[in-house]
C-alpha atoms as a PDB file:
ATOM      1  CA  MET A   1       1.706 -13.408 -11.354  1.00  0.00           C
ATOM      2  CA  ALA A   2       3.743 -10.613  -9.915  1.00  0.00           C
ATOM      3  CA  LEU A   3       1.327  -7.836  -8.661  1.00  0.00           C
ATOM      4  CA  LEU A   4       3.915  -5.180 -10.511  1.00  0.00           C
ATOM      5  CA  ASN A   5       4.155  -7.375 -13.539  1.00  0.00           C
ATOM      6  CA  PRO A   6       2.492  -7.073 -15.968  1.00  0.00           C
ATOM      7  CA  PRO A   7       1.691  -3.565 -15.372  1.00  0.00           C
ATOM      8  CA  ASP A   8      -2.038  -3.824 -16.297  1.00  0.00           C
ATOM      9  CA  ILE A   9      -3.715  -5.065 -12.833  1.00  0.00           C
ATOM     10  CA  LEU A  10      -5.398  -2.217 -11.449  1.00  0.00           C
ATOM     11  CA  PRO A  11      -6.916  -2.336  -7.731  1.00  0.00           C
ATOM     12  CA  GLU A  12      -9.532   0.012  -8.732  1.00  0.00           C
ATOM     13  CA  ALA A  13     -10.461  -2.636 -11.402  1.00  0.00           C
ATOM     14  CA  MET A  14      -9.850  -5.598  -9.170  1.00  0.00           C
ATOM     15  CA  ARG A  15     -12.735  -3.814  -6.714  1.00  0.00           C
ATOM     16  CA  PHE A  16     -15.119  -3.489  -9.877  1.00  0.00           C
ATOM     17  CA  LEU A  17     -14.508  -6.927 -10.630  1.00  0.00           C
ATOM     18  CA  VAL A  18     -15.560  -8.025  -7.052  1.00  0.00           C
ATOM     19  CA  ARG A  19     -18.397  -5.771  -7.529  1.00  0.00           C
ATOM     20  CA  ALA A  20     -19.579  -7.207 -10.766  1.00  0.00           C
ATOM     21  CA  LEU A  21     -19.366 -10.655  -8.669  1.00  0.00           C
ATOM     22  CA  LEU A  22     -21.583  -9.682  -6.061  1.00  0.00           C
ATOM     23  CA  ALA A  23     -24.347  -8.266  -8.242  1.00  0.00           C
ATOM     24  CA  ALA A  24     -24.685 -11.851  -9.099  1.00  0.00           C
ATOM     25  CA  GLN A  25     -25.403 -12.907  -5.591  1.00  0.00           C
ATOM     26  CA  ASP A  26     -23.306 -15.811  -4.912  1.00  0.00           C
ATOM     27  CA  GLN A  27     -23.232 -16.916  -8.252  1.00  0.00           C
ATOM     28  CA  GLU A  28     -20.364 -17.805 -10.665  1.00  0.00           C
ATOM     29  CA  LEU A  29     -20.188 -16.031 -13.569  1.00  0.00           C
ATOM     30  CA  ASP A  30     -18.958 -16.920 -17.284  1.00  0.00           C
ATOM     31  CA  ARG A  31     -15.244 -15.706 -17.207  1.00  0.00           C
ATOM     32  CA  SER A  32     -15.776 -13.729 -20.630  1.00  0.00           C
ATOM     33  CA  VAL A  33     -19.219 -12.088 -19.045  1.00  0.00           C
ATOM     34  CA  LEU A  34     -17.083 -10.895 -16.305  1.00  0.00           C
ATOM     35  CA  VAL A  35     -14.440  -9.466 -18.085  1.00  0.00           C
ATOM     36  CA  SER A  36     -16.702  -7.847 -20.631  1.00  0.00           C
ATOM     37  CA  LEU A  37     -18.746  -6.301 -17.675  1.00  0.00           C
ATOM     38  CA  ILE A  38     -15.827  -4.454 -16.618  1.00  0.00           C
ATOM     39  CA  ALA A  39     -13.634  -3.699 -19.440  1.00  0.00           C
ATOM     40  CA  PRO A  40     -13.865  -0.056 -19.507  1.00  0.00           C
ATOM     41  CA  ARG A  41     -15.634   0.622 -22.936  1.00  0.00           C
ATOM     42  CA  GLY A  42     -18.754  -0.592 -21.180  1.00  0.00           C
ATOM     43  CA  LEU A  43     -17.972   0.826 -17.520  1.00  0.00           C
ATOM     44  CA  THR A  44     -20.660   3.228 -17.049  1.00  0.00           C
ATOM     45  CA  GLU A  45     -22.843   0.249 -17.926  1.00  0.00           C
ATOM     46  CA  ALA A  46     -21.536  -1.654 -15.882  1.00  0.00           C
ATOM     47  CA  MET A  47     -21.529   0.635 -13.010  1.00  0.00           C
ATOM     48  CA  ASP A  48     -25.086   1.501 -13.382  1.00  0.00           C
ATOM     49  CA  SER A  49     -25.967  -1.900 -13.379  1.00  0.00           C
ATOM     50  CA  ILE A  50     -24.374  -2.865 -10.086  1.00  0.00           C
ATOM     51  CA  ALA A  51     -25.663   0.353  -8.589  1.00  0.00           C
ATOM     52  CA  ALA A  52     -22.292   2.285  -8.021  1.00  0.00           C
ATOM     53  CA  ALA A  53     -23.220   5.137 -10.130  1.00  0.00           C
ATOM     54  CA  ALA A  54     -22.604   7.119  -6.692  1.00  0.00           C
ATOM     55  CA  ASP A  55     -19.019   6.008  -6.599  1.00  0.00           C
ATOM     56  CA  ASP A  56     -16.056   8.238  -8.017  1.00  0.00           C
ATOM     57  CA  PRO A  57     -14.561   5.870 -10.188  1.00  0.00           C
ATOM     58  CA  ALA A  58     -11.026   8.099  -9.594  1.00  0.00           C
ATOM     59  CA  GLY A  59      -8.577   4.767  -9.149  1.00  0.00           C
ATOM     60  CA  LEU A  60      -9.265   4.456 -13.207  1.00  0.00           C
ATOM     61  CA  ASP A  61      -6.554   7.061 -14.451  1.00  0.00           C
ATOM     62  CA  PRO A  62      -7.264   7.580 -18.094  1.00  0.00           C
ATOM     63  CA  ASP A  63      -3.660   7.044 -18.893  1.00  0.00           C
ATOM     64  CA  ASP A  64      -3.815   3.591 -17.360  1.00  0.00           C
ATOM     65  CA  LEU A  65      -6.463   2.491 -19.847  1.00  0.00           C
ATOM     66  CA  LYS A  66      -4.521   2.801 -22.579  1.00  0.00           C
ATOM     67  CA  ALA A  67      -3.838  -0.997 -22.385  1.00  0.00           C
ATOM     68  CA  GLY A  68      -7.119  -1.493 -23.425  1.00  0.00           C
ATOM     69  CA  GLY A  69      -9.848  -2.473 -21.231  1.00  0.00           C
ATOM     70  CA  THR A  70     -10.055  -6.028 -21.999  1.00  0.00           C
ATOM     71  CA  ILE A  71      -6.190  -6.438 -20.945  1.00  0.00           C
ATOM     72  CA  ILE A  72      -6.710  -4.884 -17.434  1.00  0.00           C
ATOM     73  CA  ALA A  73      -9.645  -6.327 -16.553  1.00  0.00           C
ATOM     74  CA  GLU A  74      -8.229  -9.569 -17.289  1.00  0.00           C
ATOM     75  CA  ALA A  75      -5.094  -9.122 -15.719  1.00  0.00           C
ATOM     76  CA  SER A  76      -7.037  -7.549 -12.508  1.00  0.00           C
ATOM     77  CA  LEU A  77      -8.733 -10.847 -12.600  1.00  0.00           C
ATOM     78  CA  ARG A  78      -5.394 -12.793 -12.321  1.00  0.00           C
ATOM     79  CA  GLY A  79      -4.146 -10.470  -9.762  1.00  0.00           C
ATOM     80  CA  LEU A  80      -7.527 -11.312  -7.430  1.00  0.00           C
ATOM     81  CA  THR A  81      -6.800 -14.952  -8.213  1.00  0.00           C
ATOM     82  CA  THR A  82      -3.193 -14.706  -6.957  1.00  0.00           C
ATOM     83  CA  LEU A  83      -4.546 -12.690  -3.720  1.00  0.00           C
ATOM     84  CA  GLY A  84      -7.060 -15.530  -2.716  1.00  0.00           C
ATOM     85  CA  LEU A  85     -10.152 -13.473  -3.755  1.00  0.00           C
ATOM     86  CA  VAL A  86     -11.567 -14.940  -6.481  1.00  0.00           C
ATOM     87  CA  LYS A  87     -11.943 -18.996  -7.454  1.00  0.00           C
ATOM     88  CA  GLN A  88     -11.941 -19.939 -11.124  1.00  0.00           C
ATOM     89  CA  SER A  89     -12.795 -23.097 -12.384  1.00  0.00           C
ATOM     90  CA  ASP A  90     -13.120 -24.095 -16.124  1.00  0.00           C
ATOM     91  CA  ASP A  91     -14.726 -20.789 -17.685  1.00  0.00           C
ATOM     92  CA  GLY A  92     -16.599 -19.998 -14.243  1.00  0.00           C
ATOM     93  CA  VAL A  93     -15.569 -17.297 -11.494  1.00  0.00           C
ATOM     94  CA  LYS A  94     -16.600 -16.837  -7.852  1.00  0.00           C
ATOM     95  CA  LEU A  95     -15.629 -14.582  -5.073  1.00  0.00           C
ATOM     96  CA  ALA A  96     -13.353 -16.407  -2.255  1.00  0.00           C
ATOM     97  CA  GLY A  97     -11.495 -15.440   0.897  1.00  0.00           C
ATOM     98  CA  ALA A  98     -12.466 -12.108   2.282  1.00  0.00           C
ATOM     99  CA  ALA A  99     -14.547 -10.692  -0.438  1.00  0.00           C
ATOM    100  CA  ALA A 100     -16.942 -13.704  -0.130  1.00  0.00           C
ATOM    101  CA  ASP A 101     -18.341 -12.255   3.194  1.00  0.00           C
ATOM    102  CA  TRP A 102     -19.668  -9.250   1.836  1.00  0.00           C
ATOM    103  CA  GLU A 103     -23.290  -9.551   0.655  1.00  0.00           C
ATOM    104  CA  LYS A 104     -24.146  -6.466  -1.815  1.00  0.00           C
ATOM    105  CA  PRO A 105     -21.937  -4.621  -4.305  1.00  0.00           C
ATOM    106  CA  LEU A 106     -21.795  -1.540  -1.908  1.00  0.00           C
ATOM    107  CA  ASP A 107     -19.874  -3.321   0.483  1.00  0.00           C
ATOM    108  CA  ALA A 108     -17.185  -3.028  -1.612  1.00  0.00           C
ATOM    109  CA  SER A 109     -16.683   0.439  -1.097  1.00  0.00           C
ATOM    110  CA  PRO A 110     -12.650   1.836  -2.129  1.00  0.00           C
ATOM    111  CA  ASP A 111     -11.479   2.097   1.309  1.00  0.00           C
ATOM    112  CA  ARG A 112     -13.228  -1.827   2.441  1.00  0.00           C
ATOM    113  CA  MET A 113     -11.644  -2.987  -0.757  1.00  0.00           C
ATOM    114  CA  GLY A 114      -8.350  -1.309   0.431  1.00  0.00           C
ATOM    115  CA  ARG A 115      -8.380  -3.246   3.623  1.00  0.00           C
ATOM    116  CA  VAL A 116      -9.184  -6.397   2.086  1.00  0.00           C
ATOM    117  CA  LEU A 117      -6.113  -5.633  -0.346  1.00  0.00           C
ATOM    118  CA  LEU A 118      -3.775  -4.745   1.968  1.00  0.00           C
ATOM    119  CA  ASP A 119      -4.859  -8.081   4.507  1.00  0.00           C
ATOM    120  CA  ALA A 120      -4.039 -10.339   1.824  1.00  0.00           C
ATOM    121  CA  VAL A 121      -0.667  -8.374   0.407  1.00  0.00           C
ATOM    122  CA  LEU A 122       0.564  -8.823   3.839  1.00  0.00           C
ATOM    123  CA  GLN A 123      -0.581 -12.601   4.667  1.00  0.00           C
ATOM    124  CA  MET A 124       0.654 -13.486   1.211  1.00  0.00           C
ATOM    125  CA  GLY A 125       3.690 -12.065   1.986  1.00  0.00           C
ATOM    126  CA  ASP A 126       4.711 -12.815   5.535  1.00  0.00           C
ATOM    127  CA  SER A 127       4.121 -16.780   4.515  1.00  0.00           C
ATOM    128  CA  ASP A 128       5.794 -17.325   0.953  1.00  0.00           C
ATOM    129  CA  VAL A 129       6.850 -13.953  -1.265  1.00  0.00           C
ATOM    130  CA  SER A 130       7.494 -16.607  -3.938  1.00  0.00           C
ATOM    131  CA  HIS A 131       3.415 -16.210  -4.981  1.00  0.00           C
ATOM    132  CA  GLY A 132       3.946 -12.608  -6.580  1.00  0.00           C
ATOM    133  CA  ILE A 133       4.137 -10.505  -3.732  1.00  0.00           C
ATOM    134  CA  GLY A 134       7.574 -10.325  -3.309  1.00  0.00           C
ATOM    135  CA  ASP A 135       8.227  -7.376  -5.757  1.00  0.00           C
ATOM    136  CA  LEU A 136       5.650  -5.291  -4.465  1.00  0.00           C
ATOM    137  CA  ILE A 137       7.000  -5.883  -0.809  1.00  0.00           C
ATOM    138  CA  GLN A 138      10.644  -5.485  -1.601  1.00  0.00           C
ATOM    139  CA  ALA A 139      10.203  -2.027  -3.470  1.00  0.00           C
ATOM    140  CA  VAL A 140       7.870  -0.627  -0.548  1.00  0.00           C
ATOM    141  CA  VAL A 141      10.311  -1.386   1.916  1.00  0.00           C
ATOM    142  CA  LEU A 142      13.185   0.172  -0.372  1.00  0.00           C
ATOM    143  CA  LEU A 143      10.769   3.170  -0.335  1.00  0.00           C
ATOM    144  CA  HIS A 144      10.471   3.167   3.324  1.00  0.00           C
ATOM    145  CA  THR A 145      14.346   2.890   3.980  1.00  0.00           C
ATOM    146  CA  ALA A 146      15.476   5.691   1.972  1.00  0.00           C
ATOM    147  CA  GLY A 147      16.813   8.724   3.093  1.00  0.00           C
ATOM    148  CA  ARG A 148      15.288  12.206   2.993  1.00  0.00           C
ATOM    149  CA  PRO A 149      11.756  10.673   3.013  1.00  0.00           C
ATOM    150  CA  LEU A 150       9.882  14.225   2.211  1.00  0.00           C
ATOM    151  CA  HIS A 151      11.694  14.179  -0.868  1.00  0.00           C
ATOM    152  CA  PRO A 152       9.306  12.432  -3.282  1.00  0.00           C
ATOM    153  CA  PHE A 153      10.234  10.082  -5.864  1.00  0.00           C
ATOM    154  CA  ASP A 154       8.460  11.261  -8.510  1.00  0.00           C
ATOM    155  CA  THR A 155      10.292   8.989 -11.719  1.00  0.00           C
ATOM    156  CA  PHE A 156      11.502   6.051 -12.312  1.00  0.00           C
ATOM    157  CA  ASP A 157      14.805   7.064 -13.768  1.00  0.00           C
ATOM    158  CA  ALA A 158      15.868  10.909 -13.353  1.00  0.00           C
ATOM    159  CA  ALA A 159      17.462  12.823 -15.986  1.00  0.00           C
ATOM    160  CA  ALA A 160      20.668  14.148 -15.366  1.00  0.00           C
ATOM    161  CA  GLY A 161      20.548  17.806 -13.970  1.00  0.00           C
ATOM    162  CA  SER A 162      16.796  17.374 -13.374  1.00  0.00           C
ATOM    163  CA  SER A 163      15.407  18.178  -9.612  1.00  0.00           C
ATOM    164  CA  GLY A 164      13.217  14.809 -10.199  1.00  0.00           C
ATOM    165  CA  ARG A 165      14.187  11.808  -8.144  1.00  0.00           C
ATOM    166  CA  GLY A 166      14.425   8.374  -9.764  1.00  0.00           C
ATOM    167  CA  PHE A 167      13.637   5.127  -7.904  1.00  0.00           C
ATOM    168  CA  ALA A 168      16.271   3.980 -10.388  1.00  0.00           C
ATOM    169  CA  ALA A 169      19.042   5.480  -8.370  1.00  0.00           C
ATOM    170  CA  ARG A 170      17.609   4.236  -4.962  1.00  0.00           C
ATOM    171  CA  GLN A 171      17.676   0.684  -6.034  1.00  0.00           C
ATOM    172  CA  THR A 172      21.275   1.028  -7.258  1.00  0.00           C
ATOM    173  CA  GLU A 173      22.188   2.467  -4.156  1.00  0.00           C
ATOM    174  CA  ALA A 174      20.455  -0.341  -2.084  1.00  0.00           C
ATOM    175  CA  LEU A 175      20.695  -3.210  -4.524  1.00  0.00           C
ATOM    176  CA  GLY A 176      23.318  -2.784  -6.844  1.00  0.00           C
ATOM    177  CA  PRO A 177      23.500  -2.080 -10.858  1.00  0.00           C
ATOM    178  CA  GLU A 178      22.261  -5.188 -11.879  1.00  0.00           C
ATOM    179  CA  ARG A 179      18.468  -3.974 -12.560  1.00  0.00           C
ATOM    180  CA  LYS A 180      17.525  -7.487 -14.251  1.00  0.00           C
ATOM    181  CA  ASP A 181      17.884  -9.640 -11.495  1.00  0.00           C
ATOM    182  CA  ASN A 182      18.215  -7.781  -8.421  1.00  0.00           C
ATOM    183  CA  TRP A 183      16.149  -4.733  -8.797  1.00  0.00           C
ATOM    184  CA  PRO A 184      11.723  -5.364  -7.806  1.00  0.00           C
ATOM    185  CA  VAL A 185      11.185  -2.266 -10.258  1.00  0.00           C
ATOM    186  CA  PRO A 186      13.632  -2.932 -13.213  1.00  0.00           C
ATOM    187  CA  ASN A 187      11.706  -0.291 -15.744  1.00  0.00           C
ATOM    188  CA  GLN A 188       9.456   2.153 -15.725  1.00  0.00           C
ATOM    189  CA  GLU A 189       6.688  -0.192 -17.058  1.00  0.00           C
ATOM    190  CA  GLN A 190       6.765  -1.367 -13.250  1.00  0.00           C
ATOM    191  CA  TRP A 191       7.277   1.744 -11.524  1.00  0.00           C
ATOM    192  CA  GLN A 192       3.688   3.223 -12.525  1.00  0.00           C
ATOM    193  CA  PRO A 193       2.299   0.189 -10.984  1.00  0.00           C
ATOM    194  CA  LEU A 194       3.995   0.391  -7.927  1.00  0.00           C
ATOM    195  CA  ARG A 195       2.821   3.997  -7.270  1.00  0.00           C
ATOM    196  CA  ARG A 196      -0.460   3.000  -7.926  1.00  0.00           C
ATOM    197  CA  TRP A 197      -0.356  -0.030  -5.604  1.00  0.00           C
ATOM    198  CA  ALA A 198       1.591   1.403  -2.399  1.00  0.00           C
ATOM    199  CA  SER A 199      -0.876   4.252  -2.232  1.00  0.00           C
ATOM    200  CA  TYR A 200      -4.224   2.166  -2.707  1.00  0.00           C
ATOM    201  CA  LEU A 201      -3.043  -0.183   0.338  1.00  0.00           C
ATOM    202  CA  GLY A 202      -2.314   3.125   2.331  1.00  0.00           C
ATOM    203  CA  LEU A 203       1.632   2.172   2.222  1.00  0.00           C
ATOM    204  CA  ALA A 204       2.402   5.213   0.490  1.00  0.00           C
ATOM    205  CA  ARG A 205       1.160   8.788  -0.405  1.00  0.00           C
ATOM    206  CA  THR A 206       1.355  10.346  -3.667  1.00  0.00           C
ATOM    207  CA  VAL A 207       2.068  14.173  -3.995  1.00  0.00           C
ATOM    208  CA  GLY A 208       1.425  16.462  -6.369  1.00  0.00           C
ATOM    209  CA  ARG A 209       1.008  14.712  -9.975  1.00  0.00           C
ATOM    210  CA  GLU A 210       3.633  12.271  -9.743  1.00  0.00           C
ATOM    211  CA  GLY A 211       5.810  12.186  -6.361  1.00  0.00           C
ATOM    212  CA  LEU A 212       5.643   9.087  -4.064  1.00  0.00           C
ATOM    213  CA  ILE A 213       6.402   9.290  -0.210  1.00  0.00           C
ATOM    214  CA  PRO A 214       6.878   6.886   2.218  1.00  0.00           C
ATOM    215  CA  ASP A 215       3.785   7.401   4.644  1.00  0.00           C
ATOM    216  CA  ALA A 216       1.916   4.034   6.342  1.00  0.00           C
ATOM    217  CA  SER A 217      -0.465   6.079   8.104  1.00  0.00           C
ATOM    218  CA  GLU A 218      -3.204   4.850   6.590  1.00  0.00           C
ATOM    219  CA  ALA A 219      -2.164   1.525   6.675  1.00  0.00           C
ATOM    220  CA  LEU A 220      -1.533   1.566  10.473  1.00  0.00           C
ATOM    221  CA  LEU A 221      -4.883   3.107  10.647  1.00  0.00           C
ATOM    222  CA  ARG A 222      -6.597  -0.159   9.069  1.00  0.00           C
ATOM    223  CA  ARG A 223      -4.690  -2.738  11.233  1.00  0.00           C
ATOM    224  CA  LEU A 224      -4.378  -0.992  14.400  1.00  0.00           C
ATOM    225  CA  PRO A 225      -8.093  -0.994  15.583  1.00  0.00           C
ATOM    226  CA  ALA A 226      -7.681  -3.577  18.351  1.00  0.00           C
ATOM    227  CA  LEU A 227      -4.743  -1.781  19.991  1.00  0.00           C
ATOM    228  CA  ALA A 228      -6.562  -0.426  23.466  1.00  0.00           C
ATOM    229  CA  PRO A 229      -6.421   3.574  24.120  1.00  0.00           C
ATOM    230  CA  GLY A 230      -3.448   4.409  26.096  1.00  0.00           C
ATOM    231  CA  GLU A 231      -0.266   5.441  26.726  1.00  0.00           C
ATOM    232  CA  TYR A 232       2.777   3.189  25.447  1.00  0.00           C
ATOM    233  CA  ASP A 233       6.410   2.882  25.767  1.00  0.00           C
ATOM    234  CA  VAL A 234       7.620   4.318  22.009  1.00  0.00           C
ATOM    235  CA  ARG A 235       9.560   0.769  21.952  1.00  0.00           C
ATOM    236  CA  GLU A 236       6.376  -0.877  22.328  1.00  0.00           C
ATOM    237  CA  PHE A 237       4.217   0.870  20.111  1.00  0.00           C
ATOM    238  CA  VAL A 238       6.386   0.597  17.264  1.00  0.00           C
ATOM    239  CA  ALA A 239       7.008  -3.236  18.079  1.00  0.00           C
ATOM    240  CA  ARG A 240       2.839  -3.086  17.879  1.00  0.00           C
ATOM    241  CA  CYS A 241       2.954  -1.204  14.323  1.00  0.00           C
ATOM    242  CA  ALA A 242       5.817  -3.693  13.315  1.00  0.00           C
ATOM    243  CA  ALA A 243       3.200  -6.624  14.140  1.00  0.00           C
ATOM    244  CA  VAL A 244       0.757  -5.280  12.114  1.00  0.00           C
ATOM    245  CA  VAL A 245       2.073  -3.530   8.712  1.00  0.00           C
ATOM    246  CA  PRO A 246       5.535  -5.797   8.844  1.00  0.00           C
ATOM    247  CA  ILE A 247       7.390  -3.643   6.231  1.00  0.00           C
ATOM    248  CA  LEU A 248       7.628  -1.224   8.979  1.00  0.00           C
ATOM    249  CA  ASP A 249      10.894  -1.190  11.671  1.00  0.00           C
ATOM    250  CA  GLY A 250      11.613  -4.396  12.956  1.00  0.00           C
ATOM    251  CA  GLY A 251       8.785  -5.882  10.716  1.00  0.00           C
ATOM    252  CA  ALA A 252       8.955  -9.646   9.537  1.00  0.00           C
ATOM    253  CA  LEU A 253       9.379  -8.141   6.311  1.00  0.00           C
ATOM    254  CA  GLN A 254      11.361  -5.568   6.664  1.00  0.00           C
ATOM    255  CA  THR A 255      14.770  -5.119   5.508  1.00  0.00           C
ATOM    256  CA  GLY A 256      17.689  -3.044   5.348  1.00  0.00           C
ATOM    257  CA  HIS A 257      16.781  -0.875   8.210  1.00  0.00           C
ATOM    258  CA  ASP A 258      17.852  -1.726  11.649  1.00  0.00           C
ATOM    259  CA  PRO A 259      16.065   0.558  14.361  1.00  0.00           C
ATOM    260  CA  LEU A 260      18.034  -1.180  17.409  1.00  0.00           C
ATOM    261  CA  SER A 261      21.768  -0.288  15.217  1.00  0.00           C
ATOM    262  CA  GLU A 262      21.794   2.764  16.888  1.00  0.00           C
ATOM    263  CA  GLY A 263      21.855   2.565  20.642  1.00  0.00           C
ATOM    264  CA  ASP A 264      19.110   3.727  23.425  1.00  0.00           C
ATOM    265  CA  HIS A 265      17.858   6.357  21.129  1.00  0.00           C
ATOM    266  CA  ALA A 266      17.921   4.711  17.492  1.00  0.00           C
ATOM    267  CA  VAL A 267      17.107   6.285  14.918  1.00  0.00           C
ATOM    268  CA  LEU A 268      13.635   5.244  12.854  1.00  0.00           C
ATOM    269  CA  SER A 269      13.193   4.648   9.331  1.00  0.00           C
ATOM    270  CA  GLY A 270      11.800   7.870   7.107  1.00  0.00           C
ATOM    271  CA  GLY A 271       8.804   5.882   6.250  1.00  0.00           C
ATOM    272  CA  LEU A 272       7.759   5.070   9.771  1.00  0.00           C
ATOM    273  CA  SER A 273       9.219   8.733  10.841  1.00  0.00           C
ATOM    274  CA  ILE A 274       6.336  10.285   8.409  1.00  0.00           C
ATOM    275  CA  SER A 275       4.043   7.861   9.354  1.00  0.00           C
ATOM    276  CA  LEU A 276       3.730   8.626  13.089  1.00  0.00           C
ATOM    277  CA  LEU A 277       4.276  12.549  12.275  1.00  0.00           C
ATOM    278  CA  GLN A 278       0.909  12.156  10.158  1.00  0.00           C
ATOM    279  CA  LEU A 279      -0.917  10.235  12.758  1.00  0.00           C
ATOM    280  CA  GLU A 280      -0.469  12.294  15.330  1.00  0.00           C
ATOM    281  CA  ALA A 281      -1.118  15.162  12.883  1.00  0.00           C
ATOM    282  CA  ASP A 282      -4.566  13.888  12.459  1.00  0.00           C
ATOM    283  CA  GLY A 283      -5.160  13.439  16.246  1.00  0.00           C
ATOM    284  CA  PHE A 284      -4.684   9.707  16.257  1.00  0.00           C
ATOM    285  CA  LEU A 285      -1.982   9.774  18.683  1.00  0.00           C
ATOM    286  CA  THR A 286       0.344  11.737  20.697  1.00  0.00           C
ATOM    287  CA  MET A 287       3.960  12.050  21.314  1.00  0.00           C
ATOM    288  CA  ASN A 288       6.080  12.919  24.144  1.00  0.00           C
ATOM    289  CA  GLN A 289       9.527  12.895  25.827  1.00  0.00           C
ATOM    290  CA  ARG A 290      10.267  11.670  29.348  1.00  0.00           C
ATOM    291  CA  SER A 291      14.108  12.709  30.064  1.00  0.00           C
ATOM    292  CA  ASP A 292      14.360  10.038  32.055  1.00  0.00           C
ATOM    293  CA  ALA A 293      13.272   7.088  29.627  1.00  0.00           C
ATOM    294  CA  THR A 294      14.868   5.429  26.607  1.00  0.00           C
ATOM    295  CA  GLY A 295      13.067   6.610  23.310  1.00  0.00           C
ATOM    296  CA  ARG A 296      13.154   6.596  19.573  1.00  0.00           C
ATOM    297  CA  THR A 297      14.311   9.372  17.109  1.00  0.00           C
ATOM    298  CA  LEU A 298      12.428  10.229  14.081  1.00  0.00           C
ATOM    299  CA  ARG A 299      13.998  11.820  11.572  1.00  0.00           C
ATOM    300  CA  LEU A 300      13.225  13.538   8.335  1.00  0.00           C
ATOM    301  CA  ARG A 301      16.317  14.748   7.441  1.00  0.00           C
ATOM    302  CA  PRO A 302      19.707  13.441   6.653  1.00  0.00           C
ATOM    303  CA  ASP A 303      21.453  15.865   8.743  1.00  0.00           C
ATOM    304  CA  GLY A 304      19.133  15.408  11.725  1.00  0.00           C
ATOM    305  CA  SER A 305      18.573  18.874  11.847  1.00  0.00           C
ATOM    306  CA  ALA A 306      14.982  18.320  12.096  1.00  0.00           C
ATOM    307  CA  ASP A 307      15.496  14.936  14.960  1.00  0.00           C
ATOM    308  CA  ARG A 308      12.446  14.282  17.164  1.00  0.00           C
ATOM    309  CA  LEU A 309      13.007  12.364  20.466  1.00  0.00           C
ATOM    310  CA  VAL A 310       9.916  10.216  21.877  1.00  0.00           C
ATOM    311  CA  THR A 311       9.716   8.263  24.559  1.00  0.00           C
ATOM    312  CA  ALA A 312       5.757   7.404  24.834  1.00  0.00           C
ATOM    313  CA  VAL A 313       3.132   7.406  22.763  1.00  0.00           C
ATOM    314  CA  THR A 314      -0.577   7.817  22.998  1.00  0.00           C
ATOM    315  CA  TRP A 315      -2.734   6.123  21.416  1.00  0.00           C
ATOM    316  CA  GLN A 316      -6.213   7.858  20.614  1.00  0.00           C
ATOM    317  CA  ALA A 317      -7.944   4.762  18.572  1.00  0.00           C
ATOM    318  CA  THR A 318     -10.180   7.487  16.793  1.00  0.00           C
ATOM    319  CA  ALA A 319      -9.168  10.982  16.088  1.00  0.00           C
ATOM    320  CA  ALA A 320      -9.148  13.753  18.279  1.00  0.00           C
ATOM    321  CA  ARG A 321      -9.064  16.561  15.480  1.00  0.00           C
ATOM    322  CA  ARG A 322      -9.944  16.715  11.806  1.00  0.00           C
ATOM    323  CA  GLY A 323     -13.068  14.588  12.445  1.00  0.00           C
ATOM    324  CA  GLY A 324     -10.715  11.349  11.125  1.00  0.00           C
ATOM    325  CA  ARG A 325     -10.079  10.531   8.136  1.00  0.00           C
END
């Protein structure tokens, strides 16, 4: 199963499924019982029964529920199976992988679920993209390596003469016009799941009502904690980022942008440029320029008018401002 197709897989519904399984206290649940618990028709009762009334189920947009609760729950359960977070045998369902280490429903918070899903997606993408992860990985890379990163993609196919930015045009630019076999997001039905997944995993950020920009700062915060605070050469820091979030420049899952192709002061992709600037704005790092050092150029505008040369990065590990995230 590909994570973008069918479009009925919801990461937040996956979290509710995990919470229901945690409430079963390490016991298998009958598949039909589990699905009926999570189907939105009984969502309030299900949430109350697993002590989640304090949560805000904002991840379930009312528009997402039009496909029907059972369809969403069943598709999301298959998604959990694809990512190795549940095991199914006959009609029974049981937690597996990282989710099996949690002890109670409250452990499956939105943030922790996002971390586990991110880890699972990147691990599977790194080992074998044939398991249904490839479409999502490829689409996120296309997002991060597009020009004009601050101009959000807010639709799949922008109407002629509109101010919107369509993701279809980006795919045509990078992959050619043959959408059926070449495009990871061939239509509007897969565009909405891309928005949902990329933002939930922390690989992109939604802006306005429909826009999506390539900001992986949240994903970096989830996967960089082991990096010791201190000053790093920017080339080393970029390599560390690529190692933990490999859709970024130089990472094993990143294609279409070579950060070493433009000489000593190579230009970073728009996605990595935004991600580093966001981490600096939040106080997790500072970026400096030493006149005698080789660096990397952050670029937000195609004409280079907002370029910033960086040679050293001081990693704080925790936010120095704004109280963290």
